[in-house]
Amino acid sequence: MKSEFFVGSSRRGAEVKKGEGLLEVETDKVNVEIEAPDDGVLKEIKAREGDFVKFSAVVALIEKAG
C-alpha cells in the first residue's frame, strides 16, 4: 500500500512536543495526522510534500533535546 505524504507546519530544526501533529498521510481510504512520539528537535524530513511513500517508510527523524 502506498500513501501520499504532506508536510505539516513543523520544519527541520523545529522543537516538537510529544503528541504534536507533524505530518499528514493520505491513502485512498483514510487521512492520518502523524504525531511526534516524544519531545525533541525535528532533525530530518525524508519525504517531500506530494511524494508517495510505502506504508512502513520512515518519513521523519526526531532527535532528543538536550
Protein backbone atom coordinates (compact mmCIF):
# COMPACT_ATOMS: atom_id res chain seq x y z
CA MET A 1 0.00 0.00 0.00
CA LYS A 2 1.27 3.47 -0.83
CA SER A 3 0.28 6.73 0.80
CA GLU A 4 0.61 10.34 -0.26
CA PHE A 5 2.69 12.42 2.13
CA PHE A 6 2.02 16.01 3.23
CA VAL A 7 4.29 18.11 5.42
CA GLY A 8 2.68 19.72 8.44
CA SER A 9 3.59 23.04 9.99
CA SER A 10 6.79 21.71 11.61
CA ARG A 11 10.03 22.30 9.79
CA ARG A 12 13.53 20.88 10.09
CA GLY A 13 15.25 22.20 13.21
CA ALA A 14 11.95 22.99 14.95
CA GLU A 15 11.37 21.91 18.52
CA VAL A 16 8.47 19.48 18.79
CA LYS A 17 6.48 18.23 21.75
CA LYS A 18 5.14 14.72 22.29
CA GLY A 19 1.68 14.45 20.70
CA GLU A 20 2.18 17.48 18.44
CA GLY A 21 0.98 16.96 14.87
CA LEU A 22 3.94 16.76 12.47
CA LEU A 23 2.79 15.31 9.18
CA GLU A 24 -0.29 14.15 7.33
CA VAL A 25 -0.51 10.92 5.38
CA GLU A 26 -3.38 10.29 2.99
CA THR A 27 -4.47 6.99 1.44
CA ASP A 28 -7.46 6.20 -0.72
CA LYS A 29 -9.34 5.21 2.47
CA VAL A 30 -8.07 7.44 5.32
CA ASN A 31 -6.23 10.64 6.20
CA VAL A 32 -3.99 10.39 9.27
CA GLU A 33 -2.05 13.03 11.18
CA ILE A 34 1.26 11.67 12.46
CA GLU A 35 2.15 12.94 15.93
CA ALA A 36 5.58 13.37 17.48
CA PRO A 37 6.28 10.27 19.60
CA ASP A 38 8.43 12.28 22.05
CA ASP A 39 9.82 15.75 22.76
CA GLY A 40 12.83 16.73 20.65
CA VAL A 41 14.05 18.53 17.56
CA LEU A 42 12.85 17.65 14.08
CA LYS A 43 16.18 16.59 12.55
CA GLU A 44 15.12 15.46 9.09
CA ILE A 45 12.07 15.06 6.88
CA LYS A 46 12.81 12.22 4.47
CA ALA A 47 9.91 12.77 2.06
CA ARG A 48 8.63 15.83 0.28
CA GLU A 49 5.05 17.01 0.15
CA GLY A 50 3.18 15.13 -2.57
CA ASP A 51 5.60 12.16 -2.52
CA PHE A 52 4.10 8.69 -2.43
CA VAL A 53 5.61 6.61 0.38
CA LYS A 54 5.26 2.97 1.38
CA PHE A 55 3.24 2.10 4.48
CA SER A 56 6.24 1.33 6.72
CA ALA A 57 8.59 4.05 5.40
CA VAL A 58 10.45 6.30 7.82
CA VAL A 59 9.43 9.84 6.87
CA ALA A 60 10.96 11.93 9.67
CA LEU A 61 13.67 11.77 12.34
CA ILE A 62 13.36 13.42 15.75
CA GLU A 63 16.44 13.93 17.88
CA LYS A 64 16.11 14.02 21.65
CA ALA A 65 16.53 17.53 23.03
CA GLY A 66 19.42 18.21 25.40
